[in-house]
Every structure is written in structure tokens, then in C-alpha cells.
Amino acid sequence: GLVQAGGSLRLSCAASGTRIVFSFMGWFRQAPGKQREKVAMVTS
């Protein structure tokens, strides 16, 4: 969503179609004209 500088957001990612735990889950971001960048990763 839209937030002012200094504010907070919480993103959620729900997986469906499997009961198996992912070894790695993470978040990437991509701004216009920029390469995709990894911003966070968590292992099982």
C-alpha cells in the first residue's frame, strides 16, 4: 500500500498447494528501471 516516510507496513505471503515446508522463503523487490533485489531471506 501507500505509506508516508517513517511509517510501517507488514507484508504477508501465503503458500497454498503444499504441506511441505519450504527450505528458503524470502522477499525481493524491484523498482522501475532497477534490477530485482533480495531484501530478506529466512531458512526453515
PDB file of all heavy atoms in Angstrom:
ATOM      1  N   GLY A   1       0.809  -1.200   0.000  1.00  0.00           N
ATOM      2  CA  GLY A   1       0.000   0.000   0.000  1.00  0.00           C
ATOM      3  C   GLY A   1       0.837   1.243   0.000  1.00  0.00           C
ATOM      4  O   GLY A   1       2.039   1.213  -0.273  1.00  0.00           O
ATOM      5  N   LEU A   2       0.192   2.348   0.303  1.00  0.00           N
ATOM      6  CA  LEU A   2       0.823   3.662   0.346  1.00  0.00           C
ATOM      7  C   LEU A   2       1.038   4.067   1.791  1.00  0.00           C
ATOM      8  O   LEU A   2       0.112   3.996   2.609  1.00  0.00           O
ATOM      9  CB  LEU A   2      -0.051   4.692  -0.368  1.00  0.00           C
ATOM     10  CG  LEU A   2       0.397   6.150  -0.326  1.00  0.00           C
ATOM     11  CD1 LEU A   2       1.715   6.326  -1.067  1.00  0.00           C
ATOM     12  CD2 LEU A   2      -0.691   7.039  -0.917  1.00  0.00           C
ATOM     13  N   VAL A   3       2.250   4.498   2.105  1.00  0.00           N
ATOM     14  CA  VAL A   3       2.576   4.906   3.461  1.00  0.00           C
ATOM     15  C   VAL A   3       3.542   6.086   3.410  1.00  0.00           C
ATOM     16  O   VAL A   3       4.320   6.223   2.463  1.00  0.00           O
ATOM     17  CB  VAL A   3       3.188   3.724   4.253  1.00  0.00           C
ATOM     18  CG1 VAL A   3       4.520   3.301   3.650  1.00  0.00           C
ATOM     19  CG2 VAL A   3       3.337   4.065   5.725  1.00  0.00           C
ATOM     20  N   GLN A   4       3.479   6.940   4.402  1.00  0.00           N
ATOM     21  CA  GLN A   4       4.401   8.060   4.484  1.00  0.00           C
ATOM     22  C   GLN A   4       5.759   7.604   5.000  1.00  0.00           C
ATOM     23  O   GLN A   4       5.870   6.600   5.708  1.00  0.00           O
ATOM     24  CB  GLN A   4       3.853   9.153   5.399  1.00  0.00           C
ATOM     25  CG  GLN A   4       2.613   9.843   4.885  1.00  0.00           C
ATOM     26  CD  GLN A   4       2.183  10.997   5.771  1.00  0.00           C
ATOM     27  OE1 GLN A   4       2.985  11.552   6.524  1.00  0.00           O
ATOM     28  NE2 GLN A   4       0.927  11.372   5.682  1.00  0.00           N
ATOM     29  N   ALA A   5       6.794   8.347   4.634  1.00  0.00           N
ATOM     30  CA  ALA A   5       8.131   8.054   5.136  1.00  0.00           C
ATOM     31  C   ALA A   5       8.122   7.989   6.654  1.00  0.00           C
ATOM     32  O   ALA A   5       7.506   8.825   7.319  1.00  0.00           O
ATOM     33  CB  ALA A   5       9.124   9.104   4.650  1.00  0.00           C
ATOM     34  N   GLY A   6       8.806   6.987   7.186  1.00  0.00           N
ATOM     35  CA  GLY A   6       8.827   6.766   8.618  1.00  0.00           C
ATOM     36  C   GLY A   6       7.763   5.811   9.106  1.00  0.00           C
ATOM     37  O   GLY A   6       7.818   5.366  10.261  1.00  0.00           O
ATOM     38  N   GLY A   7       6.825   5.483   8.256  1.00  0.00           N
ATOM     39  CA  GLY A   7       5.757   4.585   8.627  1.00  0.00           C
ATOM     40  C   GLY A   7       6.137   3.131   8.485  1.00  0.00           C
ATOM     41  O   GLY A   7       7.277   2.784   8.170  1.00  0.00           O
ATOM     42  N   SER A   8       5.152   2.263   8.699  1.00  0.00           N
ATOM     43  CA  SER A   8       5.382   0.827   8.691  1.00  0.00           C
ATOM     44  C   SER A   8       4.327   0.105   7.873  1.00  0.00           C
ATOM     45  O   SER A   8       3.197   0.566   7.741  1.00  0.00           O
ATOM     46  CB  SER A   8       5.355   0.269  10.120  1.00  0.00           C
ATOM     47  OG  SER A   8       6.365   0.828  10.932  1.00  0.00           O
ATOM     48  N   LEU A   9       4.718  -1.028   7.335  1.00  0.00           N
ATOM     49  CA  LEU A   9       3.814  -1.948   6.667  1.00  0.00           C
ATOM     50  C   LEU A   9       4.237  -3.363   7.003  1.00  0.00           C
ATOM     51  O   LEU A   9       5.416  -3.619   7.254  1.00  0.00           O
ATOM     52  CB  LEU A   9       3.843  -1.775   5.146  1.00  0.00           C
ATOM     53  CG  LEU A   9       3.167  -0.560   4.525  1.00  0.00           C
ATOM     54  CD1 LEU A   9       3.477  -0.520   3.027  1.00  0.00           C
ATOM     55  CD2 LEU A   9       1.662  -0.604   4.741  1.00  0.00           C
ATOM     56  N   ARG A  10       3.286  -4.281   6.980  1.00  0.00           N
ATOM     57  CA  ARG A  10       3.602  -5.689   7.114  1.00  0.00           C
ATOM     58  C   ARG A  10       3.054  -6.435   5.913  1.00  0.00           C
ATOM     59  O   ARG A  10       1.847  -6.442   5.670  1.00  0.00           O
ATOM     60  CB  ARG A  10       3.032  -6.302   8.396  1.00  0.00           C
ATOM     61  CG  ARG A  10       3.566  -7.719   8.641  1.00  0.00           C
ATOM     62  CD  ARG A  10       3.066  -8.345   9.923  1.00  0.00           C
ATOM     63  NE  ARG A  10       1.705  -8.840   9.805  1.00  0.00           N
ATOM     64  CZ  ARG A  10       1.216  -9.873  10.499  1.00  0.00           C
ATOM     65  NH1 ARG A  10       1.990 -10.514  11.367  1.00  0.00           N
ATOM     66  NH2 ARG A  10      -0.050 -10.233  10.337  1.00  0.00           N
ATOM     67  N   LEU A  11       3.951  -7.061   5.174  1.00  0.00           N
ATOM     68  CA  LEU A  11       3.575  -7.868   4.032  1.00  0.00           C
ATOM     69  C   LEU A  11       3.403  -9.319   4.452  1.00  0.00           C
ATOM     70  O   LEU A  11       4.125  -9.817   5.320  1.00  0.00           O
ATOM     71  CB  LEU A  11       4.635  -7.792   2.929  1.00  0.00           C
ATOM     72  CG  LEU A  11       5.047  -6.401   2.447  1.00  0.00           C
ATOM     73  CD1 LEU A  11       6.053  -6.523   1.308  1.00  0.00           C
ATOM     74  CD2 LEU A  11       3.830  -5.595   2.022  1.00  0.00           C
ATOM     75  N   SER A  12       2.460  -9.996   3.826  1.00  0.00           N
ATOM     76  CA  SER A  12       2.230 -11.409   4.072  1.00  0.00           C
ATOM     77  C   SER A  12       2.319 -12.174   2.765  1.00  0.00           C
ATOM     78  O   SER A  12       1.953 -11.663   1.705  1.00  0.00           O
ATOM     79  CB  SER A  12       0.855 -11.644   4.696  1.00  0.00           C
ATOM     80  OG  SER A  12       0.731 -10.998   5.942  1.00  0.00           O
ATOM     81  N   CYS A  13       2.792 -13.398   2.845  1.00  0.00           N
ATOM     82  CA  CYS A  13       2.857 -14.282   1.689  1.00  0.00           C
ATOM     83  C   CYS A  13       2.363 -15.646   2.131  1.00  0.00           C
ATOM     84  O   CYS A  13       3.029 -16.323   2.921  1.00  0.00           O
ATOM     85  CB  CYS A  13       4.279 -14.367   1.145  1.00  0.00           C
ATOM     86  SG  CYS A  13       4.501 -15.596  -0.161  1.00  0.00           S
ATOM     87  N   ALA A  14       1.218 -16.038   1.629  1.00  0.00           N
ATOM     88  CA  ALA A  14       0.614 -17.312   1.986  1.00  0.00           C
ATOM     89  C   ALA A  14       0.834 -18.324   0.875  1.00  0.00           C
ATOM     90  O   ALA A  14       0.500 -18.070  -0.284  1.00  0.00           O
ATOM     91  CB  ALA A  14      -0.873 -17.136   2.253  1.00  0.00           C
ATOM     92  N   ALA A  15       1.391 -19.468   1.233  1.00  0.00           N
ATOM     93  CA  ALA A  15       1.609 -20.543   0.278  1.00  0.00           C
ATOM     94  C   ALA A  15       0.447 -21.523   0.323  1.00  0.00           C
ATOM     95  O   ALA A  15      -0.061 -21.856   1.393  1.00  0.00           O
ATOM     96  CB  ALA A  15       2.912 -21.274   0.574  1.00  0.00           C
ATOM     97  N   SER A  16       0.036 -21.979  -0.831  1.00  0.00           N
ATOM     98  CA  SER A  16      -1.009 -22.983  -0.933  1.00  0.00           C
ATOM     99  C   SER A  16      -0.554 -24.090  -1.867  1.00  0.00           C
ATOM    100  O   SER A  16       0.360 -23.913  -2.668  1.00  0.00           O
ATOM    101  CB  SER A  16      -2.318 -22.373  -1.432  1.00  0.00           C
ATOM    102  OG  SER A  16      -2.171 -21.854  -2.746  1.00  0.00           O
ATOM    103  N   GLY A  17      -1.193 -25.241  -1.758  1.00  0.00           N
ATOM    104  CA  GLY A  17      -0.899 -26.349  -2.645  1.00  0.00           C
ATOM    105  C   GLY A  17       0.180 -27.287  -2.162  1.00  0.00           C
ATOM    106  O   GLY A  17       0.585 -28.195  -2.902  1.00  0.00           O
ATOM    107  N   THR A  18       0.653 -27.097  -0.935  1.00  0.00           N
ATOM    108  CA  THR A  18       1.675 -27.981  -0.386  1.00  0.00           C
ATOM    109  C   THR A  18       1.609 -27.982   1.129  1.00  0.00           C
ATOM    110  O   THR A  18       1.262 -26.972   1.742  1.00  0.00           O
ATOM    111  CB  THR A  18       3.083 -27.567  -0.841  1.00  0.00           C
ATOM    112  OG1 THR A  18       4.041 -28.478  -0.291  1.00  0.00           O
ATOM    113  CG2 THR A  18       3.425 -26.163  -0.362  1.00  0.00           C
ATOM    114  N   ARG A  19       1.920 -29.123   1.709  1.00  0.00           N
ATOM    115  CA  ARG A  19       2.085 -29.232   3.155  1.00  0.00           C
ATOM    116  C   ARG A  19       3.558 -29.314   3.524  1.00  0.00           C
ATOM    117  O   ARG A  19       3.888 -29.398   4.710  1.00  0.00           O
ATOM    118  CB  ARG A  19       1.343 -30.460   3.688  1.00  0.00           C
ATOM    119  CG  ARG A  19      -0.169 -30.344   3.661  1.00  0.00           C
ATOM    120  CD  ARG A  19      -0.821 -31.555   4.298  1.00  0.00           C
ATOM    121  NE  ARG A  19      -2.271 -31.399   4.396  1.00  0.00           N
ATOM    122  CZ  ARG A  19      -2.899 -30.861   5.417  1.00  0.00           C
ATOM    123  NH1 ARG A  19      -2.215 -30.413   6.463  1.00  0.00           N
ATOM    124  NH2 ARG A  19      -4.221 -30.761   5.417  1.00  0.00           N
ATOM    125  N   ILE A  20       4.425 -29.300   2.537  1.00  0.00           N
ATOM    126  CA  ILE A  20       5.855 -29.395   2.766  1.00  0.00           C
ATOM    127  C   ILE A  20       6.414 -28.017   3.063  1.00  0.00           C
ATOM    128  O   ILE A  20       6.118 -27.049   2.348  1.00  0.00           O
ATOM    129  CB  ILE A  20       6.569 -30.011   1.548  1.00  0.00           C
ATOM    130  CG1 ILE A  20       6.003 -31.401   1.251  1.00  0.00           C
ATOM    131  CG2 ILE A  20       8.069 -30.080   1.784  1.00  0.00           C
ATOM    132  CD1 ILE A  20       6.534 -32.008  -0.031  1.00  0.00           C
ATOM    133  N   VAL A  21       7.221 -27.921   4.093  1.00  0.00           N
ATOM    134  CA  VAL A  21       7.834 -26.660   4.478  1.00  0.00           C
ATOM    135  C   VAL A  21       8.922 -26.291   3.471  1.00  0.00           C
ATOM    136  O   VAL A  21       9.746 -27.124   3.097  1.00  0.00           O
ATOM    137  CB  VAL A  21       8.422 -26.752   5.893  1.00  0.00           C
ATOM    138  CG1 VAL A  21       9.185 -25.481   6.246  1.00  0.00           C
ATOM    139  CG2 VAL A  21       7.317 -27.013   6.909  1.00  0.00           C
ATOM    140  N   PHE A  22       8.921 -25.047   3.027  1.00  0.00           N
ATOM    141  CA  PHE A  22       9.967 -24.570   2.140  1.00  0.00           C
ATOM    142  C   PHE A  22      11.284 -24.453   2.885  1.00  0.00           C
ATOM    143  O   PHE A  22      11.326 -24.033   4.042  1.00  0.00           O
ATOM    144  CB  PHE A  22       9.603 -23.207   1.551  1.00  0.00           C
ATOM    145  CG  PHE A  22       8.494 -23.240   0.548  1.00  0.00           C
ATOM    146  CD1 PHE A  22       7.216 -22.837   0.897  1.00  0.00           C
ATOM    147  CD2 PHE A  22       8.730 -23.667  -0.743  1.00  0.00           C
ATOM    148  CE1 PHE A  22       6.189 -22.857  -0.027  1.00  0.00           C
ATOM    149  CE2 PHE A  22       7.711 -23.693  -1.685  1.00  0.00           C
ATOM    150  CZ  PHE A  22       6.440 -23.290  -1.322  1.00  0.00           C
ATOM    151  N   SER A  23      12.362 -24.826   2.206  1.00  0.00           N
ATOM    152  CA  SER A  23      13.682 -24.670   2.788  1.00  0.00           C
ATOM    153  C   SER A  23      14.071 -23.202   2.914  1.00  0.00           C
ATOM    154  O   SER A  23      14.674 -22.797   3.907  1.00  0.00           O
ATOM    155  CB  SER A  23      14.719 -25.414   1.947  1.00  0.00           C
ATOM    156  OG  SER A  23      16.019 -25.275   2.503  1.00  0.00           O
ATOM    157  N   PHE A  24      13.724 -22.420   1.906  1.00  0.00           N
ATOM    158  CA  PHE A  24      14.013 -20.992   1.887  1.00  0.00           C
ATOM    159  C   PHE A  24      12.751 -20.234   1.515  1.00  0.00           C
ATOM    160  O   PHE A  24      12.023 -20.620   0.607  1.00  0.00           O
ATOM    161  CB  PHE A  24      15.107 -20.644   0.868  1.00  0.00           C
ATOM    162  CG  PHE A  24      16.412 -21.335   1.105  1.00  0.00           C
ATOM    163  CD1 PHE A  24      16.694 -22.547   0.496  1.00  0.00           C
ATOM    164  CD2 PHE A  24      17.367 -20.768   1.933  1.00  0.00           C
ATOM    165  CE1 PHE A  24      17.903 -23.183   0.705  1.00  0.00           C
ATOM    166  CE2 PHE A  24      18.582 -21.396   2.150  1.00  0.00           C
ATOM    167  CZ  PHE A  24      18.845 -22.600   1.537  1.00  0.00           C
ATOM    168  N   MET A  25      12.508 -19.147   2.201  1.00  0.00           N
ATOM    169  CA  MET A  25      11.483 -18.202   1.818  1.00  0.00           C
ATOM    170  C   MET A  25      12.063 -16.809   1.951  1.00  0.00           C
ATOM    171  O   MET A  25      12.855 -16.551   2.860  1.00  0.00           O
ATOM    172  CB  MET A  25      10.219 -18.338   2.669  1.00  0.00           C
ATOM    173  CG  MET A  25       9.539 -19.695   2.550  1.00  0.00           C
ATOM    174  SD  MET A  25       7.892 -19.756   3.321  1.00  0.00           S
ATOM    175  CE  MET A  25       6.919 -18.882   2.073  1.00  0.00           C
ATOM    176  N   GLY A  26      11.684 -15.942   1.046  1.00  0.00           N
ATOM    177  CA  GLY A  26      12.244 -14.613   1.089  1.00  0.00           C
ATOM    178  C   GLY A  26      11.411 -13.599   0.350  1.00  0.00           C
ATOM    179  O   GLY A  26      10.353 -13.909  -0.209  1.00  0.00           O
ATOM    180  N   TRP A  27      11.904 -12.383   0.385  1.00  0.00           N
ATOM    181  CA  TRP A  27      11.278 -11.270  -0.288  1.00  0.00           C
ATOM    182  C   TRP A  27      12.287 -10.570  -1.186  1.00  0.00           C
ATOM    183  O   TRP A  27      13.440 -10.343  -0.782  1.00  0.00           O
ATOM    184  CB  TRP A  27      10.712 -10.257   0.715  1.00  0.00           C
ATOM    185  CG  TRP A  27       9.549 -10.768   1.499  1.00  0.00           C
ATOM    186  CD1 TRP A  27       9.569 -11.419   2.688  1.00  0.00           C
ATOM    187  CD2 TRP A  27       8.167 -10.662   1.130  1.00  0.00           C
ATOM    188  NE1 TRP A  27       8.298 -11.731   3.095  1.00  0.00           N
ATOM    189  CE2 TRP A  27       7.415 -11.277   2.160  1.00  0.00           C
ATOM    190  CE3 TRP A  27       7.495 -10.106   0.038  1.00  0.00           C
ATOM    191  CZ2 TRP A  27       6.021 -11.348   2.126  1.00  0.00           C
ATOM    192  CZ3 TRP A  27       6.114 -10.180   0.005  1.00  0.00           C
ATOM    193  CH2 TRP A  27       5.397 -10.795   1.037  1.00  0.00           C
ATOM    194  N   PHE A  28      11.856 -10.247  -2.384  1.00  0.00           N
ATOM    195  CA  PHE A  28      12.607  -9.457  -3.337  1.00  0.00           C
ATOM    196  C   PHE A  28      11.796  -8.218  -3.670  1.00  0.00           C
ATOM    197  O   PHE A  28      10.582  -8.196  -3.488  1.00  0.00           O
ATOM    198  CB  PHE A  28      12.885 -10.237  -4.626  1.00  0.00           C
ATOM    199  CG  PHE A  28      13.879 -11.353  -4.480  1.00  0.00           C
ATOM    200  CD1 PHE A  28      13.570 -12.499  -3.767  1.00  0.00           C
ATOM    201  CD2 PHE A  28      15.128 -11.265  -5.080  1.00  0.00           C
ATOM    202  CE1 PHE A  28      14.479 -13.534  -3.642  1.00  0.00           C
ATOM    203  CE2 PHE A  28      16.052 -12.296  -4.968  1.00  0.00           C
ATOM    204  CZ  PHE A  28      15.725 -13.424  -4.248  1.00  0.00           C
ATOM    205  N   ARG A  29      12.466  -7.202  -4.177  1.00  0.00           N
ATOM    206  CA  ARG A  29      11.752  -6.025  -4.634  1.00  0.00           C
ATOM    207  C   ARG A  29      12.365  -5.532  -5.933  1.00  0.00           C
ATOM    208  O   ARG A  29      13.536  -5.751  -6.211  1.00  0.00           O
ATOM    209  CB  ARG A  29      11.767  -4.910  -3.585  1.00  0.00           C
ATOM    210  CG  ARG A  29      13.138  -4.306  -3.315  1.00  0.00           C
ATOM    211  CD  ARG A  29      13.059  -3.315  -2.169  1.00  0.00           C
ATOM    212  NE  ARG A  29      14.347  -2.699  -1.889  1.00  0.00           N
ATOM    213  CZ  ARG A  29      14.593  -1.938  -0.834  1.00  0.00           C
ATOM    214  NH1 ARG A  29      13.628  -1.686   0.047  1.00  0.00           N
ATOM    215  NH2 ARG A  29      15.808  -1.409  -0.664  1.00  0.00           N
ATOM    216  N   GLN A  30      11.546  -4.851  -6.713  1.00  0.00           N
ATOM    217  CA  GLN A  30      12.006  -4.295  -7.971  1.00  0.00           C
ATOM    218  C   GLN A  30      11.329  -2.955  -8.202  1.00  0.00           C
ATOM    219  O   GLN A  30      10.100  -2.873  -8.254  1.00  0.00           O
ATOM    220  CB  GLN A  30      11.728  -5.239  -9.137  1.00  0.00           C
ATOM    221  CG  GLN A  30      12.363  -4.794 -10.443  1.00  0.00           C
ATOM    222  CD  GLN A  30      12.374  -5.897 -11.482  1.00  0.00           C
ATOM    223  OE1 GLN A  30      11.534  -6.798 -11.464  1.00  0.00           O
ATOM    224  NE2 GLN A  30      13.326  -5.837 -12.388  1.00  0.00           N
ATOM    225  N   ALA A  31      12.138  -1.927  -8.325  1.00  0.00           N
ATOM    226  CA  ALA A  31      11.659  -0.598  -8.652  1.00  0.00           C
ATOM    227  C   ALA A  31      11.795  -0.371 -10.151  1.00  0.00           C
ATOM    228  O   ALA A  31      12.613  -1.021 -10.810  1.00  0.00           O
ATOM    229  CB  ALA A  31      12.446   0.455  -7.876  1.00  0.00           C
ATOM    230  N   PRO A  32      11.013   0.548 -10.715  1.00  0.00           N
ATOM    231  CA  PRO A  32      11.120   0.819 -12.154  1.00  0.00           C
ATOM    232  C   PRO A  32      12.546   1.167 -12.561  1.00  0.00           C
ATOM    233  O   PRO A  32      13.194   2.005 -11.924  1.00  0.00           O
ATOM    234  CB  PRO A  32      10.179   2.001 -12.357  1.00  0.00           C
ATOM    235  CG  PRO A  32       9.169   1.865 -11.261  1.00  0.00           C
ATOM    236  CD  PRO A  32       9.952   1.341 -10.086  1.00  0.00           C
ATOM    237  N   GLY A  33      13.043   0.510 -13.600  1.00  0.00           N
ATOM    238  CA  GLY A  33      14.380   0.762 -14.090  1.00  0.00           C
ATOM    239  C   GLY A  33      15.492   0.161 -13.264  1.00  0.00           C
ATOM    240  O   GLY A  33      16.668   0.395 -13.575  1.00  0.00           O
ATOM    241  N   LYS A  34      15.151  -0.593 -12.239  1.00  0.00           N
ATOM    242  CA  LYS A  34      16.150  -1.188 -11.362  1.00  0.00           C
ATOM    243  C   LYS A  34      16.094  -2.708 -11.438  1.00  0.00           C
ATOM    244  O   LYS A  34      15.067  -3.298 -11.792  1.00  0.00           O
ATOM    245  CB  LYS A  34      15.938  -0.747  -9.916  1.00  0.00           C
ATOM    246  CG  LYS A  34      15.992   0.762  -9.695  1.00  0.00           C
ATOM    247  CD  LYS A  34      17.382   1.303  -9.938  1.00  0.00           C
ATOM    248  CE  LYS A  34      17.431   2.801  -9.670  1.00  0.00           C
ATOM    249  NZ  LYS A  34      17.208   3.111  -8.226  1.00  0.00           N
ATOM    250  N   GLN A  35      17.208  -3.353 -11.093  1.00  0.00           N
ATOM    251  CA  GLN A  35      17.250  -4.800 -11.029  1.00  0.00           C
ATOM    252  C   GLN A  35      16.537  -5.295  -9.777  1.00  0.00           C
ATOM    253  O   GLN A  35      16.437  -4.580  -8.781  1.00  0.00           O
ATOM    254  CB  GLN A  35      18.696  -5.298 -11.034  1.00  0.00           C
ATOM    255  CG  GLN A  35      19.445  -5.036 -12.325  1.00  0.00           C
ATOM    256  CD  GLN A  35      20.831  -5.647 -12.305  1.00  0.00           C
ATOM    257  OE1 GLN A  35      21.337  -6.051 -11.249  1.00  0.00           O
ATOM    258  NE2 GLN A  35      21.455  -5.725 -13.462  1.00  0.00           N
ATOM    259  N   ARG A  36      16.033  -6.521  -9.857  1.00  0.00           N
ATOM    260  CA  ARG A  36      15.390  -7.111  -8.708  1.00  0.00           C
ATOM    261  C   ARG A  36      16.420  -7.343  -7.604  1.00  0.00           C
ATOM    262  O   ARG A  36      17.529  -7.839  -7.851  1.00  0.00           O
ATOM    263  CB  ARG A  36      14.706  -8.420  -9.093  1.00  0.00           C
ATOM    264  CG  ARG A  36      13.837  -9.004  -7.991  1.00  0.00           C
ATOM    265  CD  ARG A  36      12.946 -10.122  -8.520  1.00  0.00           C
ATOM    266  NE  ARG A  36      11.961  -9.626  -9.470  1.00  0.00           N
ATOM    267  CZ  ARG A  36      10.964 -10.356  -9.957  1.00  0.00           C
ATOM    268  NH1 ARG A  36      10.817 -11.623  -9.575  1.00  0.00           N
ATOM    269  NH2 ARG A  36      10.119  -9.831 -10.827  1.00  0.00           N
ATOM    270  N   GLU A  37      16.065  -6.999  -6.384  1.00  0.00           N
ATOM    271  CA  GLU A  37      16.964  -7.011  -5.249  1.00  0.00           C
ATOM    272  C   GLU A  37      16.387  -7.855  -4.127  1.00  0.00           C
ATOM    273  O   GLU A  37      15.222  -7.695  -3.762  1.00  0.00           O
ATOM    274  CB  GLU A  37      17.192  -5.576  -4.757  1.00  0.00           C
ATOM    275  CG  GLU A  37      17.975  -5.456  -3.461  1.00  0.00           C
ATOM    276  CD  GLU A  37      17.926  -4.055  -2.888  1.00  0.00           C
ATOM    277  OE1 GLU A  37      16.958  -3.323  -3.169  1.00  0.00           O
ATOM    278  OE2 GLU A  37      18.867  -3.681  -2.159  1.00  0.00           O
ATOM    279  N   LYS A  38      17.186  -8.750  -3.571  1.00  0.00           N
ATOM    280  CA  LYS A  38      16.762  -9.517  -2.411  1.00  0.00           C
ATOM    281  C   LYS A  38      16.793  -8.626  -1.184  1.00  0.00           C
ATOM    282  O   LYS A  38      17.784  -7.938  -0.936  1.00  0.00           O
ATOM    283  CB  LYS A  38      17.659 -10.738  -2.198  1.00  0.00           C
ATOM    284  CG  LYS A  38      17.207 -11.634  -1.056  1.00  0.00           C
ATOM    285  CD  LYS A  38      17.982 -12.947  -1.012  1.00  0.00           C
ATOM    286  CE  LYS A  38      19.402 -12.723  -0.583  1.00  0.00           C
ATOM    287  NZ  LYS A  38      20.139 -14.021  -0.442  1.00  0.00           N
ATOM    288  N   VAL A  39      15.713  -8.629  -0.420  1.00  0.00           N
ATOM    289  CA  VAL A  39      15.636  -7.784   0.761  1.00  0.00           C
ATOM    290  C   VAL A  39      15.558  -8.575   2.057  1.00  0.00           C
ATOM    291  O   VAL A  39      15.791  -8.016   3.130  1.00  0.00           O
ATOM    292  CB  VAL A  39      14.463  -6.787   0.677  1.00  0.00           C
ATOM    293  CG1 VAL A  39      14.675  -5.817  -0.475  1.00  0.00           C
ATOM    294  CG2 VAL A  39      13.128  -7.503   0.529  1.00  0.00           C
ATOM    295  N   ALA A  40      15.222  -9.853   1.986  1.00  0.00           N
ATOM    296  CA  ALA A  40      15.146 -10.654   3.203  1.00  0.00           C
ATOM    297  C   ALA A  40      15.032 -12.120   2.835  1.00  0.00           C
ATOM    298  O   ALA A  40      14.425 -12.471   1.827  1.00  0.00           O
ATOM    299  CB  ALA A  40      13.962 -10.249   4.080  1.00  0.00           C
ATOM    300  N   MET A  41      15.595 -12.977   3.671  1.00  0.00           N
ATOM    301  CA  MET A  41      15.500 -14.418   3.472  1.00  0.00           C
ATOM    302  C   MET A  41      15.477 -15.105   4.822  1.00  0.00           C
ATOM    303  O   MET A  41      16.141 -14.660   5.763  1.00  0.00           O
ATOM    304  CB  MET A  41      16.694 -14.922   2.643  1.00  0.00           C
ATOM    305  CG  MET A  41      16.631 -16.400   2.258  1.00  0.00           C
ATOM    306  SD  MET A  41      17.329 -17.500   3.541  1.00  0.00           S
ATOM    307  CE  MET A  41      19.074 -17.113   3.379  1.00  0.00           C
ATOM    308  N   VAL A  42      14.713 -16.179   4.908  1.00  0.00           N
ATOM    309  CA  VAL A  42      14.682 -16.986   6.120  1.00  0.00           C
ATOM    310  C   VAL A  42      14.689 -18.459   5.729  1.00  0.00           C
ATOM    311  O   VAL A  42      13.969 -18.876   4.812  1.00  0.00           O
ATOM    312  CB  VAL A  42      13.469 -16.636   7.013  1.00  0.00           C
ATOM    313  CG1 VAL A  42      12.146 -16.872   6.290  1.00  0.00           C
ATOM    314  CG2 VAL A  42      13.515 -17.424   8.317  1.00  0.00           C
ATOM    315  N   THR A  43      15.507 -19.249   6.398  1.00  0.00           N
ATOM    316  CA  THR A  43      15.556 -20.681   6.150  1.00  0.00           C
ATOM    317  C   THR A  43      14.515 -21.396   6.995  1.00  0.00           C
ATOM    318  O   THR A  43      13.897 -20.820   7.888  1.00  0.00           O
ATOM    319  CB  THR A  43      16.938 -21.250   6.467  1.00  0.00           C
ATOM    320  OG1 THR A  43      17.139 -21.242   7.887  1.00  0.00           O
ATOM    321  CG2 THR A  43      18.046 -20.450   5.803  1.00  0.00           C
ATOM    322  N   SER A  44      14.335 -22.682   6.720  1.00  0.00           N
ATOM    323  CA  SER A  44      13.400 -23.473   7.509  1.00  0.00           C
ATOM    324  C   SER A  44      13.831 -23.555   8.967  1.00  0.00           C
ATOM    325  O   SER A  44      12.994 -23.779   9.842  1.00  0.00           O
ATOM    326  CB  SER A  44      13.263 -24.881   6.927  1.00  0.00           C
ATOM    327  OG  SER A  44      14.516 -25.544   6.882  1.00  0.00           O
TER     328      SER A  44
END
